[in-house]
Amino acid sequence: MLNKKYRLPVSQFPVVYKNGKKIRGKYGMLVALKIKNTPTPQFGFVVSKKIGGAVQRHRFTRILRVAVTESIKELSLDNCGYIFQYVAFESCDSKDALKEEVKTQLKGFAND
């Protein structure tokens, strides 16, 4: 489970998607928006129906949450000032492969 302080409020989803910087990967697209008043990074997940039925989508979301949680710790993203939205459009059953992609996408924002 993603800690509550890292969850993006639903009202912010359209704002992030419209105004954020987008980085596309194999499994999904990371959208990031710099916000001055945000001490911790916040993440929201959108999983497309192209991935499969509800079971497959929820499984992918669980894997994605774990990958993001581990990446936050490894990249020291606390106090980065960004809010993120991950839009998934292709399934991935490997946590390691998904984690590497998310980590690569996040590295661009870790040192800004």
Protein backbone atom coordinates (compact mmCIF):
# COMPACT_ATOMS: atom_id res chain seq x y z
CA MET A 1 0.00 0.00 0.00
CA LEU A 2 1.26 3.44 -0.90
CA ASN A 3 1.60 5.63 2.19
CA LYS A 4 -1.14 8.26 2.42
CA LYS A 5 1.31 11.17 2.24
CA TYR A 6 2.44 9.92 -1.19
CA ARG A 7 -1.06 9.67 -2.72
CA LEU A 8 -2.17 12.23 -5.28
CA PRO A 9 -5.65 13.67 -4.63
CA VAL A 10 -8.16 12.84 -7.36
CA SER A 11 -8.79 16.53 -8.02
CA GLN A 12 -5.15 16.94 -9.12
CA PHE A 13 -5.23 14.26 -11.87
CA PRO A 14 -6.47 16.54 -14.70
CA VAL A 15 -4.12 19.35 -13.63
CA VAL A 16 -1.05 17.11 -13.69
CA TYR A 17 -1.95 15.53 -17.03
CA LYS A 18 -2.68 18.85 -18.73
CA ASN A 19 0.27 20.88 -17.42
CA GLY A 20 2.91 18.27 -16.61
CA LYS A 21 6.02 17.09 -18.42
CA LYS A 22 5.50 13.66 -19.98
CA ILE A 23 8.06 10.87 -20.30
CA ARG A 24 6.91 7.80 -22.21
CA GLY A 25 8.20 4.30 -21.50
CA LYS A 26 7.44 0.79 -22.69
CA TYR A 27 4.72 0.08 -20.12
CA GLY A 28 3.42 3.56 -19.41
CA MET A 29 3.91 7.28 -19.31
CA LEU A 30 5.07 9.28 -16.31
CA VAL A 31 3.66 12.79 -16.06
CA ALA A 32 5.30 15.18 -13.58
CA LEU A 33 4.42 18.67 -12.44
CA LYS A 34 6.55 20.87 -10.19
CA ILE A 35 4.57 22.27 -7.25
CA LYS A 36 6.25 24.57 -4.73
CA ASN A 37 4.02 23.73 -1.75
CA THR A 38 4.47 19.95 -1.94
CA PRO A 39 7.11 18.68 0.49
CA THR A 40 6.78 15.02 -0.48
CA PRO A 41 6.21 13.57 -3.93
CA GLN A 42 2.66 12.47 -4.63
CA PHE A 43 1.71 9.72 -7.07
CA GLY A 44 -1.48 8.85 -8.90
CA PHE A 45 -2.01 5.81 -11.12
CA VAL A 46 -4.22 5.41 -14.17
CA VAL A 47 -4.38 1.89 -15.59
CA SER A 48 -5.96 1.49 -19.02
CA LYS A 49 -8.50 -1.20 -19.87
CA LYS A 50 -6.11 -2.24 -22.63
CA ILE A 51 -4.19 -4.10 -19.93
CA GLY A 52 -7.05 -6.49 -19.30
CA GLY A 53 -9.91 -7.13 -16.95
CA ALA A 54 -10.24 -5.86 -13.40
CA VAL A 55 -8.04 -8.60 -11.94
CA GLN A 56 -5.15 -7.86 -14.30
CA ARG A 57 -5.48 -4.10 -13.79
CA HIS A 58 -5.48 -4.38 -10.00
CA ARG A 59 -2.51 -6.74 -10.07
CA PHE A 60 -0.58 -4.30 -12.26
CA THR A 61 -1.48 -1.44 -9.91
CA ARG A 62 -0.20 -3.40 -6.89
CA ILE A 63 3.09 -4.12 -8.68
CA LEU A 64 3.34 -0.45 -9.68
CA ARG A 65 2.77 0.73 -6.10
CA VAL A 66 5.60 -1.47 -4.83
CA ALA A 67 7.92 -0.28 -7.60
CA VAL A 68 7.18 3.37 -6.83
CA THR A 69 7.56 2.92 -3.07
CA GLU A 70 10.97 1.30 -3.51
CA SER A 71 12.04 3.94 -6.03
CA ILE A 72 11.15 6.77 -3.65
CA LYS A 73 13.53 5.33 -1.06
CA GLU A 74 16.32 4.49 -3.51
CA LEU A 75 16.29 7.85 -5.32
CA SER A 76 15.69 9.95 -2.17
CA LEU A 77 12.71 11.75 -3.71
CA ASP A 78 11.47 13.28 -0.45
CA ASN A 79 11.30 17.07 -0.74
CA CYS A 80 11.60 17.00 -4.54
CA GLY A 81 8.49 19.18 -4.98
CA TYR A 82 6.90 17.15 -7.78
CA ILE A 83 3.55 15.47 -8.15
CA PHE A 84 3.40 12.50 -10.50
CA GLN A 85 0.83 10.57 -12.48
CA TYR A 86 1.64 7.23 -14.08
CA VAL A 87 -0.56 6.29 -17.02
CA ALA A 88 -0.16 2.58 -17.78
CA PHE A 89 -1.04 1.19 -21.20
CA GLU A 90 0.81 -2.13 -21.48
CA SER A 91 0.86 -5.01 -19.01
CA CYS A 92 3.98 -6.12 -17.18
CA ASP A 93 4.10 -9.06 -14.76
CA SER A 94 7.71 -8.52 -13.73
CA LYS A 95 8.15 -6.19 -10.79
CA ASP A 96 11.84 -5.75 -11.60
CA ALA A 97 11.24 -4.69 -15.21
CA LEU A 98 8.53 -2.23 -14.20
CA LYS A 99 10.66 -0.88 -11.36
CA GLU A 100 13.60 -0.24 -13.70
CA GLU A 101 11.37 1.67 -16.11
CA VAL A 102 9.78 3.78 -13.35
CA LYS A 103 13.18 4.44 -11.81
CA THR A 104 14.60 5.56 -15.15
CA GLN A 105 11.67 7.92 -15.66
CA LEU A 106 11.95 9.32 -12.13
CA LYS A 107 15.69 9.98 -12.36
CA GLY A 108 15.01 12.95 -14.60
CA PHE A 109 13.15 14.67 -11.77
CA ALA A 110 15.16 13.54 -8.75
CA ASN A 111 17.83 16.22 -8.99
CA ASP A 112 15.81 19.21 -10.23
